[in-house]
Amino acid sequence: MPDPDMLSPLRAMHSLREPHVALLTQTMAGFAGRWTLERHESYDGDLTVLLVPTDPAERAFVISRSAEGFHLSRDHGDEMNSLGVFASFPDLLAALPARAPLTTTTNRSA
């Protein structure tokens, strides 16, 4: 089985897609703003989304996808703590704390 983190065009086949970003933005838009959605696209087309807090005391959420499913992690300094791997994107969205409202969307290249 190939390494799911390998950098290749095959990795992008399991990447987040625009409908995922749109659904995340729509889901989070109903809350008062405390988070910024940042898109990070690698050179091979792999898309990862960060929910970056406006409060520096809070930690960012990282949302990505691999062949195994949709990954939700929390940034803890130099470490990423996995909060789970989900079979569907709606399952991942349900796992996000409701108190994680979104403010704006920015685009960044990796």
PDB file of N, CA and C in Angstrom:
ATOM      1  N   MET A   1       0.848  -1.191   0.000  1.00  0.00           N
ATOM      2  CA  MET A   1       0.000   0.000   0.000  1.00  0.00           C
ATOM      3  C   MET A   1       0.883   1.239   0.000  1.00  0.00           C
ATOM      4  N   PRO A   2       0.618   2.201  -0.882  1.00  0.00           N
ATOM      5  CA  PRO A   2       1.456   3.406  -0.931  1.00  0.00           C
ATOM      6  C   PRO A   2       1.260   4.277   0.307  1.00  0.00           C
ATOM      7  N   ASP A   3       2.277   5.049   0.596  1.00  0.00           N
ATOM      8  CA  ASP A   3       2.244   5.985   1.727  1.00  0.00           C
ATOM      9  C   ASP A   3       1.214   7.072   1.438  1.00  0.00           C
ATOM     10  N   PRO A   4       0.175   7.263   2.313  1.00  0.00           N
ATOM     11  CA  PRO A   4      -0.858   8.267   2.035  1.00  0.00           C
ATOM     12  C   PRO A   4      -0.343   9.696   2.088  1.00  0.00           C
ATOM     13  N   ASP A   5       0.842   9.914   2.650  1.00  0.00           N
ATOM     14  CA  ASP A   5       1.389  11.263   2.729  1.00  0.00           C
ATOM     15  C   ASP A   5       2.394  11.557   1.626  1.00  0.00           C
ATOM     16  N   MET A   6       2.566  10.623   0.696  1.00  0.00           N
ATOM     17  CA  MET A   6       3.558  10.835  -0.359  1.00  0.00           C
ATOM     18  C   MET A   6       3.146  12.001  -1.236  1.00  0.00           C
ATOM     19  N   LEU A   7       4.137  12.713  -1.747  1.00  0.00           N
ATOM     20  CA  LEU A   7       3.871  13.842  -2.625  1.00  0.00           C
ATOM     21  C   LEU A   7       3.825  13.345  -4.061  1.00  0.00           C
ATOM     22  N   SER A   8       2.648  13.240  -4.594  1.00  0.00           N
ATOM     23  CA  SER A   8       2.478  12.805  -5.974  1.00  0.00           C
ATOM     24  C   SER A   8       1.106  13.234  -6.450  1.00  0.00           C
ATOM     25  N   PRO A   9       0.886  13.207  -7.751  1.00  0.00           N
ATOM     26  CA  PRO A   9      -0.449  13.540  -8.251  1.00  0.00           C
ATOM     27  C   PRO A   9      -1.525  12.613  -7.698  1.00  0.00           C
ATOM     28  N   LEU A  10      -1.164  11.392  -7.320  1.00  0.00           N
ATOM     29  CA  LEU A  10      -2.143  10.472  -6.760  1.00  0.00           C
ATOM     30  C   LEU A  10      -2.689  10.978  -5.434  1.00  0.00           C
ATOM     31  N   ARG A  11      -1.858  11.648  -4.656  1.00  0.00           N
ATOM     32  CA  ARG A  11      -2.290  12.182  -3.365  1.00  0.00           C
ATOM     33  C   ARG A  11      -3.427  13.182  -3.546  1.00  0.00           C
ATOM     34  N   ALA A  12      -3.345  13.994  -4.583  1.00  0.00           N
ATOM     35  CA  ALA A  12      -4.373  15.001  -4.825  1.00  0.00           C
ATOM     36  C   ALA A  12      -5.724  14.372  -5.176  1.00  0.00           C
ATOM     37  N   MET A  13      -5.733  13.128  -5.605  1.00  0.00           N
ATOM     38  CA  MET A  13      -6.988  12.447  -5.900  1.00  0.00           C
ATOM     39  C   MET A  13      -7.836  12.298  -4.647  1.00  0.00           C
ATOM     40  N   HIS A  14      -7.210  12.301  -3.485  1.00  0.00           N
ATOM     41  CA  HIS A  14      -7.923  12.152  -2.220  1.00  0.00           C
ATOM     42  C   HIS A  14      -7.987  13.466  -1.452  1.00  0.00           C
ATOM     43  N   SER A  15      -7.722  14.557  -2.106  1.00  0.00           N
ATOM     44  CA  SER A  15      -7.686  15.874  -1.485  1.00  0.00           C
ATOM     45  C   SER A  15      -9.092  16.381  -1.197  1.00  0.00           C
ATOM     46  N   LEU A  16      -9.168  17.389  -0.333  1.00  0.00           N
ATOM     47  CA  LEU A  16     -10.412  18.131  -0.191  1.00  0.00           C
ATOM     48  C   LEU A  16     -10.752  18.748  -1.544  1.00  0.00           C
ATOM     49  N   ARG A  17     -12.006  19.005  -1.770  1.00  0.00           N
ATOM     50  CA  ARG A  17     -12.471  19.605  -3.023  1.00  0.00           C
ATOM     51  C   ARG A  17     -13.223  20.904  -2.712  1.00  0.00           C
ATOM     52  N   GLU A  18     -13.487  21.668  -3.748  1.00  0.00           N
ATOM     53  CA  GLU A  18     -14.197  22.943  -3.591  1.00  0.00           C
ATOM     54  C   GLU A  18     -15.551  22.782  -2.891  1.00  0.00           C
ATOM     55  N   PRO A  19     -16.338  21.736  -3.205  1.00  0.00           N
ATOM     56  CA  PRO A  19     -17.605  21.583  -2.477  1.00  0.00           C
ATOM     57  C   PRO A  19     -17.418  21.406  -0.963  1.00  0.00           C
ATOM     58  N   HIS A  20     -16.294  20.793  -0.546  1.00  0.00           N
ATOM     59  CA  HIS A  20     -16.016  20.654   0.883  1.00  0.00           C
ATOM     60  C   HIS A  20     -15.766  22.021   1.512  1.00  0.00           C
ATOM     61  N   VAL A  21     -14.987  22.855   0.818  1.00  0.00           N
ATOM     62  CA  VAL A  21     -14.685  24.197   1.333  1.00  0.00           C
ATOM     63  C   VAL A  21     -15.971  25.019   1.390  1.00  0.00           C
ATOM     64  N   ALA A  22     -16.795  24.909   0.357  1.00  0.00           N
ATOM     65  CA  ALA A  22     -18.054  25.652   0.335  1.00  0.00           C
ATOM     66  C   ALA A  22     -18.975  25.203   1.470  1.00  0.00           C
ATOM     67  N   LEU A  23     -19.055  23.902   1.715  1.00  0.00           N
ATOM     68  CA  LEU A  23     -19.900  23.396   2.796  1.00  0.00           C
ATOM     69  C   LEU A  23     -19.366  23.826   4.160  1.00  0.00           C
ATOM     70  N   LEU A  24     -18.056  23.814   4.325  1.00  0.00           N
ATOM     71  CA  LEU A  24     -17.462  24.268   5.582  1.00  0.00           C
ATOM     72  C   LEU A  24     -17.755  25.750   5.798  1.00  0.00           C
ATOM     73  N   THR A  25     -17.571  26.554   4.768  1.00  0.00           N
ATOM     74  CA  THR A  25     -17.839  27.989   4.859  1.00  0.00           C
ATOM     75  C   THR A  25     -19.310  28.241   5.189  1.00  0.00           C
ATOM     76  N   GLN A  26     -20.201  27.525   4.520  1.00  0.00           N
ATOM     77  CA  GLN A  26     -21.637  27.681   4.759  1.00  0.00           C
ATOM     78  C   GLN A  26     -22.001  27.251   6.179  1.00  0.00           C
ATOM     79  N   THR A  27     -21.439  26.156   6.647  1.00  0.00           N
ATOM     80  CA  THR A  27     -21.727  25.648   7.986  1.00  0.00           C
ATOM     81  C   THR A  27     -21.278  26.628   9.059  1.00  0.00           C
ATOM     82  N   MET A  28     -20.105  27.201   8.886  1.00  0.00           N
ATOM     83  CA  MET A  28     -19.533  28.071   9.898  1.00  0.00           C
ATOM     84  C   MET A  28     -20.043  29.507   9.812  1.00  0.00           C
ATOM     85  N   ALA A  29     -20.649  29.893   8.706  1.00  0.00           N
ATOM     86  CA  ALA A  29     -21.082  31.281   8.501  1.00  0.00           C
ATOM     87  C   ALA A  29     -22.188  31.723   9.454  1.00  0.00           C
ATOM     88  N   GLY A  30     -22.917  30.781  10.023  1.00  0.00           N
ATOM     89  CA  GLY A  30     -24.005  31.140  10.910  1.00  0.00           C
ATOM     90  C   GLY A  30     -23.570  31.576  12.297  1.00  0.00           C
ATOM     91  N   PHE A  31     -22.285  31.512  12.596  1.00  0.00           N
ATOM     92  CA  PHE A  31     -21.777  31.843  13.920  1.00  0.00           C
ATOM     93  C   PHE A  31     -21.075  33.199  13.905  1.00  0.00           C
ATOM     94  N   ALA A  32     -21.050  33.862  15.045  1.00  0.00           N
ATOM     95  CA  ALA A  32     -20.294  35.119  15.175  1.00  0.00           C
ATOM     96  C   ALA A  32     -18.815  34.819  14.946  1.00  0.00           C
ATOM     97  N   GLY A  33     -18.067  35.745  14.338  1.00  0.00           N
ATOM     98  CA  GLY A  33     -16.711  35.482  13.886  1.00  0.00           C
ATOM     99  C   GLY A  33     -15.641  35.386  14.957  1.00  0.00           C
ATOM    100  N   ARG A  34     -14.931  34.275  14.966  1.00  0.00           N
ATOM    101  CA  ARG A  34     -13.740  34.094  15.792  1.00  0.00           C
ATOM    102  C   ARG A  34     -12.654  33.311  15.060  1.00  0.00           C
ATOM    103  N   TRP A  35     -12.927  32.893  13.838  1.00  0.00           N
ATOM    104  CA  TRP A  35     -11.992  32.049  13.104  1.00  0.00           C
ATOM    105  C   TRP A  35     -11.851  32.542  11.675  1.00  0.00           C
ATOM    106  N   THR A  36     -10.701  32.275  11.076  1.00  0.00           N
ATOM    107  CA  THR A  36     -10.438  32.551   9.675  1.00  0.00           C
ATOM    108  C   THR A  36     -10.171  31.235   8.974  1.00  0.00           C
ATOM    109  N   LEU A  37     -10.795  31.033   7.842  1.00  0.00           N
ATOM    110  CA  LEU A  37     -10.566  29.837   7.052  1.00  0.00           C
ATOM    111  C   LEU A  37      -9.415  30.120   6.095  1.00  0.00           C
ATOM    112  N   GLU A  38      -8.379  29.297   6.152  1.00  0.00           N
ATOM    113  CA  GLU A  38      -7.238  29.433   5.236  1.00  0.00           C
ATOM    114  C   GLU A  38      -7.103  28.174   4.405  1.00  0.00           C
ATOM    115  N   ARG A  39      -6.984  28.380   3.106  1.00  0.00           N
ATOM    116  CA  ARG A  39      -6.774  27.272   2.164  1.00  0.00           C
ATOM    117  C   ARG A  39      -5.278  27.140   1.924  1.00  0.00           C
ATOM    118  N   HIS A  40      -4.776  25.942   1.991  1.00  0.00           N
ATOM    119  CA  HIS A  40      -3.375  25.670   1.692  1.00  0.00           C
ATOM    120  C   HIS A  40      -3.327  24.596   0.614  1.00  0.00           C
ATOM    121  N   GLU A  41      -2.838  25.003  -0.555  1.00  0.00           N
ATOM    122  CA  GLU A  41      -2.756  24.078  -1.680  1.00  0.00           C
ATOM    123  C   GLU A  41      -1.298  23.805  -1.993  1.00  0.00           C
ATOM    124  N   SER A  42      -0.936  22.524  -2.048  1.00  0.00           N
ATOM    125  CA  SER A  42       0.435  22.154  -2.372  1.00  0.00           C
ATOM    126  C   SER A  42       0.621  22.191  -3.886  1.00  0.00           C
ATOM    127  N   TYR A  43       1.846  22.079  -4.305  1.00  0.00           N
ATOM    128  CA  TYR A  43       2.142  22.122  -5.740  1.00  0.00           C
ATOM    129  C   TYR A  43       1.497  20.969  -6.495  1.00  0.00           C
ATOM    130  N   ASP A  44       1.187  19.869  -5.802  1.00  0.00           N
ATOM    131  CA  ASP A  44       0.591  18.720  -6.485  1.00  0.00           C
ATOM    132  C   ASP A  44      -0.938  18.716  -6.410  1.00  0.00           C
ATOM    133  N   GLY A  45      -1.525  19.828  -5.934  1.00  0.00           N
ATOM    134  CA  GLY A  45      -2.974  19.962  -5.925  1.00  0.00           C
ATOM    135  C   GLY A  45      -3.668  19.501  -4.663  1.00  0.00           C
ATOM    136  N   ASP A  46      -2.915  19.103  -3.653  1.00  0.00           N
ATOM    137  CA  ASP A  46      -3.512  18.667  -2.396  1.00  0.00           C
ATOM    138  C   ASP A  46      -3.999  19.886  -1.615  1.00  0.00           C
ATOM    139  N   LEU A  47      -5.276  19.899  -1.250  1.00  0.00           N
ATOM    140  CA  LEU A  47      -5.883  21.035  -0.552  1.00  0.00           C
ATOM    141  C   LEU A  47      -6.118  20.673   0.908  1.00  0.00           C
ATOM    142  N   THR A  48      -5.623  21.509   1.800  1.00  0.00           N
ATOM    143  CA  THR A  48      -5.837  21.400   3.237  1.00  0.00           C
ATOM    144  C   THR A  48      -6.441  22.715   3.703  1.00  0.00           C
ATOM    145  N   VAL A  49      -7.336  22.652   4.682  1.00  0.00           N
ATOM    146  CA  VAL A  49      -7.977  23.848   5.212  1.00  0.00           C
ATOM    147  C   VAL A  49      -7.605  23.988   6.679  1.00  0.00           C
ATOM    148  N   LEU A  50      -7.248  25.209   7.059  1.00  0.00           N
ATOM    149  CA  LEU A  50      -6.986  25.524   8.459  1.00  0.00           C
ATOM    150  C   LEU A  50      -8.064  26.470   8.946  1.00  0.00           C
ATOM    151  N   LEU A  51      -8.570  26.218  10.146  1.00  0.00           N
ATOM    152  CA  LEU A  51      -9.430  27.165  10.833  1.00  0.00           C
ATOM    153  C   LEU A  51      -8.553  27.822  11.878  1.00  0.00           C
ATOM    154  N   VAL A  52      -8.142  29.053  11.588  1.00  0.00           N
ATOM    155  CA  VAL A  52      -7.181  29.776  12.415  1.00  0.00           C
ATOM    156  C   VAL A  52      -7.944  30.713  13.358  1.00  0.00           C
ATOM    157  N   PRO A  53      -7.697  30.613  14.661  1.00  0.00           N
ATOM    158  CA  PRO A  53      -8.422  31.462  15.609  1.00  0.00           C
ATOM    159  C   PRO A  53      -7.905  32.900  15.598  1.00  0.00           C
ATOM    160  N   THR A  54      -8.794  33.847  15.825  1.00  0.00           N
ATOM    161  CA  THR A  54      -8.368  35.236  15.979  1.00  0.00           C
ATOM    162  C   THR A  54      -7.774  35.458  17.364  1.00  0.00           C
ATOM    163  N   ASP A  55      -8.116  34.595  18.312  1.00  0.00           N
ATOM    164  CA  ASP A  55      -7.562  34.642  19.661  1.00  0.00           C
ATOM    165  C   ASP A  55      -6.280  33.811  19.695  1.00  0.00           C
ATOM    166  N   PRO A  56      -5.104  34.439  19.909  1.00  0.00           N
ATOM    167  CA  PRO A  56      -3.848  33.689  19.877  1.00  0.00           C
ATOM    168  C   PRO A  56      -3.729  32.633  20.973  1.00  0.00           C
ATOM    169  N   ALA A  57      -4.592  32.676  21.970  1.00  0.00           N
ATOM    170  CA  ALA A  57      -4.560  31.659  23.021  1.00  0.00           C
ATOM    171  C   ALA A  57      -5.193  30.344  22.568  1.00  0.00           C
ATOM    172  N   GLU A  58      -5.952  30.377  21.482  1.00  0.00           N
ATOM    173  CA  GLU A  58      -6.601  29.176  20.972  1.00  0.00           C
ATOM    174  C   GLU A  58      -5.737  28.539  19.896  1.00  0.00           C
ATOM    175  N   ARG A  59      -6.013  27.274  19.587  1.00  0.00           N
ATOM    176  CA  ARG A  59      -5.255  26.510  18.590  1.00  0.00           C
ATOM    177  C   ARG A  59      -6.080  26.307  17.323  1.00  0.00           C
ATOM    178  N   ALA A  60      -5.395  26.213  16.210  1.00  0.00           N
ATOM    179  CA  ALA A  60      -6.051  26.034  14.919  1.00  0.00           C
ATOM    180  C   ALA A  60      -6.532  24.600  14.736  1.00  0.00           C
ATOM    181  N   PHE A  61      -7.606  24.460  13.945  1.00  0.00           N
ATOM    182  CA  PHE A  61      -8.041  23.160  13.467  1.00  0.00           C
ATOM    183  C   PHE A  61      -7.442  22.953  12.085  1.00  0.00           C
ATOM    184  N   VAL A  62      -7.089  21.718  11.759  1.00  0.00           N
ATOM    185  CA  VAL A  62      -6.577  21.372  10.437  1.00  0.00           C
ATOM    186  C   VAL A  62      -7.510  20.310   9.866  1.00  0.00           C
ATOM    187  N   ILE A  63      -7.992  20.561   8.646  1.00  0.00           N
ATOM    188  CA  ILE A  63      -8.911  19.643   7.980  1.00  0.00           C
ATOM    189  C   ILE A  63      -8.268  19.212   6.677  1.00  0.00           C
ATOM    190  N   SER A  64      -8.150  17.900   6.500  1.00  0.00           N
ATOM    191  CA  SER A  64      -7.532  17.366   5.295  1.00  0.00           C
ATOM    192  C   SER A  64      -8.235  16.063   4.919  1.00  0.00           C
ATOM    193  N   ARG A  65      -7.787  15.482   3.841  1.00  0.00           N
ATOM    194  CA  ARG A  65      -8.385  14.236   3.370  1.00  0.00           C
ATOM    195  C   ARG A  65      -7.300  13.332   2.821  1.00  0.00           C
ATOM    196  N   SER A  66      -7.460  12.052   3.029  1.00  0.00           N
ATOM    197  CA  SER A  66      -6.571  11.049   2.455  1.00  0.00           C
ATOM    198  C   SER A  66      -7.436   9.879   1.999  1.00  0.00           C
ATOM    199  N   ALA A  67      -6.808   8.825   1.533  1.00  0.00           N
ATOM    200  CA  ALA A  67      -7.552   7.641   1.120  1.00  0.00           C
ATOM    201  C   ALA A  67      -8.318   7.038   2.295  1.00  0.00           C
ATOM    202  N   GLU A  68      -7.874   7.311   3.503  1.00  0.00           N
ATOM    203  CA  GLU A  68      -8.512   6.759   4.700  1.00  0.00           C
ATOM    204  C   GLU A  68      -9.775   7.504   5.093  1.00  0.00           C
ATOM    205  N   GLY A  69      -9.926   8.761   4.701  1.00  0.00           N
ATOM    206  CA  GLY A  69     -11.095   9.551   5.052  1.00  0.00           C
ATOM    207  C   GLY A  69     -10.748  11.002   5.293  1.00  0.00           C
ATOM    208  N   PHE A  70     -11.661  11.706   5.947  1.00  0.00           N
ATOM    209  CA  PHE A  70     -11.502  13.127   6.256  1.00  0.00           C
ATOM    210  C   PHE A  70     -10.869  13.249   7.641  1.00  0.00           C
ATOM    211  N   HIS A  71      -9.768  13.999   7.717  1.00  0.00           N
ATOM    212  CA  HIS A  71      -8.998  14.118   8.959  1.00  0.00           C
ATOM    213  C   HIS A  71      -9.285  15.457   9.633  1.00  0.00           C
ATOM    214  N   LEU A  72      -9.506  15.406  10.939  1.00  0.00           N
ATOM    215  CA  LEU A  72      -9.642  16.603  11.756  1.00  0.00           C
ATOM    216  C   LEU A  72      -8.558  16.549  12.821  1.00  0.00           C
ATOM    217  N   SER A  73      -7.718  17.580  12.844  1.00  0.00           N
ATOM    218  CA  SER A  73      -6.627  17.659  13.814  1.00  0.00           C
ATOM    219  C   SER A  73      -6.658  19.016  14.478  1.00  0.00           C
ATOM    220  N   ARG A  74      -5.959  19.120  15.577  1.00  0.00           N
ATOM    221  CA  ARG A  74      -5.832  20.392  16.290  1.00  0.00           C
ATOM    222  C   ARG A  74      -4.355  20.692  16.433  1.00  0.00           C
ATOM    223  N   ASP A  75      -3.977  21.899  16.082  1.00  0.00           N
ATOM    224  CA  ASP A  75      -2.590  22.347  16.198  1.00  0.00           C
ATOM    225  C   ASP A  75      -2.247  22.548  17.670  1.00  0.00           C
ATOM    226  N   HIS A  76      -1.143  21.967  18.083  1.00  0.00           N
ATOM    227  CA  HIS A  76      -0.632  22.175  19.443  1.00  0.00           C
ATOM    228  C   HIS A  76       0.853  22.492  19.342  1.00  0.00           C
ATOM    229  N   GLY A  77       1.172  23.720  18.907  1.00  0.00           N
ATOM    230  CA  GLY A  77       2.567  24.125  18.750  1.00  0.00           C
ATOM    231  C   GLY A  77       3.224  23.383  17.610  1.00  0.00           C
ATOM    232  N   ASP A  78       4.239  22.600  17.928  1.00  0.00           N
ATOM    233  CA  ASP A  78       4.956  21.836  16.908  1.00  0.00           C
ATOM    234  C   ASP A  78       4.311  20.490  16.628  1.00  0.00           C
ATOM    235  N   GLU A  79       3.202  20.190  17.270  1.00  0.00           N
ATOM    236  CA  GLU A  79       2.541  18.901  17.108  1.00  0.00           C
ATOM    237  C   GLU A  79       1.130  19.074  16.577  1.00  0.00           C
ATOM    238  N   MET A  80       0.660  18.042  15.903  1.00  0.00           N
ATOM    239  CA  MET A  80      -0.734  17.977  15.484  1.00  0.00           C
ATOM    240  C   MET A  80      -1.374  16.832  16.253  1.00  0.00           C
ATOM    241  N   ASN A  81      -2.472  17.130  16.917  1.00  0.00           N
ATOM    242  CA  ASN A  81      -3.208  16.099  17.635  1.00  0.00           C
ATOM    243  C   ASN A  81      -4.439  15.720  16.824  1.00  0.00           C
ATOM    244  N   SER A  82      -4.509  14.461  16.434  1.00  0.00           N
ATOM    245  CA  SER A  82      -5.649  13.987  15.663  1.00  0.00           C
ATOM    246  C   SER A  82      -6.891  13.948  16.535  1.00  0.00           C
ATOM    247  N   LEU A  83      -7.972  14.504  16.003  1.00  0.00           N
ATOM    248  CA  LEU A  83      -9.265  14.439  16.674  1.00  0.00           C
ATOM    249  C   LEU A  83     -10.147  13.372  16.039  1.00  0.00           C
ATOM    250  N   GLY A  84      -9.658  12.785  14.947  1.00  0.00           N
ATOM    251  CA  GLY A  84     -10.395  11.698  14.318  1.00  0.00           C
ATOM    252  C   GLY A  84     -10.291  11.687  12.813  1.00  0.00           C
ATOM    253  N   VAL A  85     -10.629  10.539  12.256  1.00  0.00           N
ATOM    254  CA  VAL A  85     -10.736  10.350  10.816  1.00  0.00           C
ATOM    255  C   VAL A  85     -12.189   9.946  10.565  1.00  0.00           C
ATOM    256  N   PHE A  86     -12.846  10.628   9.646  1.00  0.00           N
ATOM    257  CA  PHE A  86     -14.274  10.474   9.438  1.00  0.00           C
ATOM    258  C   PHE A  86     -14.562   9.954   8.038  1.00  0.00           C
ATOM    259  N   ALA A  87     -15.572   9.121   7.925  1.00  0.00           N
ATOM    260  CA  ALA A  87     -15.932   8.522   6.642  1.00  0.00           C
ATOM    261  C   ALA A  87     -16.559   9.532   5.691  1.00  0.00           C
ATOM    262  N   SER A  88     -17.229  10.555   6.236  1.00  0.00           N
ATOM    263  CA  SER A  88     -17.866  11.553   5.382  1.00  0.00           C
ATOM    264  C   SER A  88     -17.547  12.953   5.897  1.00  0.00           C
ATOM    265  N   PHE A  89     -17.647  13.927   5.005  1.00  0.00           N
ATOM    266  CA  PHE A  89     -17.384  15.302   5.404  1.00  0.00           C
ATOM    267  C   PHE A  89     -18.441  15.821   6.385  1.00  0.00           C
ATOM    268  N   PRO A  90     -19.722  15.504   6.205  1.00  0.00           N
ATOM    269  CA  PRO A  90     -20.700  15.921   7.223  1.00  0.00           C
ATOM    270  C   PRO A  90     -20.391  15.362   8.620  1.00  0.00           C
ATOM    271  N   ASP A  91     -19.847  14.150   8.692  1.00  0.00           N
ATOM    272  CA  ASP A  91     -19.447  13.593   9.994  1.00  0.00           C
ATOM    273  C   ASP A  91     -18.338  14.432  10.613  1.00  0.00           C
ATOM    274  N   LEU A  92     -17.386  14.875   9.800  1.00  0.00           N
ATOM    275  CA  LEU A  92     -16.312  15.738  10.298  1.00  0.00           C
ATOM    276  C   LEU A  92     -16.885  17.062  10.781  1.00  0.00           C
ATOM    277  N   LEU A  93     -17.771  17.658  10.004  1.00  0.00           N
ATOM    278  CA  LEU A  93     -18.373  18.934  10.394  1.00  0.00           C
ATOM    279  C   LEU A  93     -19.112  18.817  11.722  1.00  0.00           C
ATOM    280  N   ALA A  94     -19.770  17.693  11.939  1.00  0.00           N
ATOM    281  CA  ALA A  94     -20.498  17.483  13.189  1.00  0.00           C
ATOM    282  C   ALA A  94     -19.547  17.401  14.377  1.00  0.00           C
ATOM    283  N   ALA A  95     -18.297  17.024  14.145  1.00  0.00           N
ATOM    284  CA  ALA A  95     -17.316  16.902  15.223  1.00  0.00           C
ATOM    285  C   ALA A  95     -16.683  18.241  15.601  1.00  0.00           C
ATOM    286  N   LEU A  96     -16.830  19.267  14.741  1.00  0.00           N
ATOM    287  CA  LEU A  96     -16.283  20.581  15.068  1.00  0.00           C
ATOM    288  C   LEU A  96     -17.092  21.202  16.203  1.00  0.00           C
ATOM    289  N   PRO A  97     -16.436  21.832  17.147  1.00  0.00           N
ATOM    290  CA  PRO A  97     -17.197  22.512  18.202  1.00  0.00           C
ATOM    291  C   PRO A  97     -18.054  23.627  17.601  1.00  0.00           C
ATOM    292  N   ALA A  98     -19.287  23.741  18.046  1.00  0.00           N
ATOM    293  CA  ALA A  98     -20.194  24.780  17.550  1.00  0.00           C
ATOM    294  C   ALA A  98     -19.684  26.166  17.892  1.00  0.00           C
ATOM    295  N   ARG A  99     -18.783  26.265  18.849  1.00  0.00           N
ATOM    296  CA  ARG A  99     -18.252  27.570  19.240  1.00  0.00           C
ATOM    297  C   ARG A  99     -17.066  27.980  18.379  1.00  0.00           C
ATOM    298  N   ALA A 100     -16.850  27.330  17.238  1.00  0.00           N
ATOM    299  CA  ALA A 100     -15.738  27.660  16.347  1.00  0.00           C
ATOM    300  C   ALA A 100     -16.239  28.439  15.136  1.00  0.00           C
ATOM    301  N   PRO A 101     -16.768  29.657  15.335  1.00  0.00           N
ATOM    302  CA  PRO A 101     -17.321  30.415  14.217  1.00  0.00           C
ATOM    303  C   PRO A 101     -16.239  30.921  13.254  1.00  0.00           C
ATOM    304  N   LEU A 102     -16.632  31.113  12.035  1.00  0.00           N
ATOM    305  CA  LEU A 102     -15.717  31.497  10.963  1.00  0.00           C
ATOM    306  C   LEU A 102     -15.833  32.983  10.676  1.00  0.00           C
ATOM    307  N   THR A 103     -14.703  33.653  10.413  1.00  0.00           N
ATOM    308  CA  THR A 103     -14.758  35.073  10.075  1.00  0.00           C
ATOM    309  C   THR A 103     -14.599  35.290   8.582  1.00  0.00           C
ATOM    310  N   THR A 104     -13.468  34.966   8.010  1.00  0.00           N
ATOM    311  CA  THR A 104     -13.217  35.271   6.607  1.00  0.00           C
ATOM    312  C   THR A 104     -12.553  34.073   5.933  1.00  0.00           C
ATOM    313  N   THR A 105     -12.476  34.154   4.625  1.00  0.00           N
ATOM    314  CA  THR A 105     -11.788  33.119   3.848  1.00  0.00           C
ATOM    315  C   THR A 105     -10.586  33.754   3.171  1.00  0.00           C
ATOM    316  N   THR A 106      -9.434  33.123   3.289  1.00  0.00           N
ATOM    317  CA  THR A 106      -8.238  33.581   2.602  1.00  0.00           C
ATOM    318  C   THR A 106      -7.666  32.437   1.779  1.00  0.00           C
ATOM    319  N   ASN A 107      -6.920  32.756   0.769  1.00  0.00           N
ATOM    320  CA  ASN A 107      -6.284  31.753  -0.068  1.00  0.00           C
ATOM    321  C   ASN A 107      -4.780  31.876   0.083  1.00  0.00           C
ATOM    322  N   ARG A 108      -4.140  30.767   0.323  1.00  0.00           N
ATOM    323  CA  ARG A 108      -2.689  30.741   0.419  1.00  0.00           C
ATOM    324  C   ARG A 108      -2.173  29.521  -0.314  1.00  0.00           C
ATOM    325  N   SER A 109      -1.073  29.666  -0.990  1.00  0.00           N
ATOM    326  CA  SER A 109      -0.421  28.548  -1.641  1.00  0.00           C
ATOM    327  C   SER A 109       0.655  28.005  -0.723  1.00  0.00           C
ATOM    328  N   ALA A 110       0.834  26.697  -0.765  1.00  0.00           N
ATOM    329  CA  ALA A 110       1.877  26.068   0.067  1.00  0.00           C
ATOM    330  C   ALA A 110       3.226  26.267  -0.568  1.00  0.00           C
TER     331      ALA A 110
END
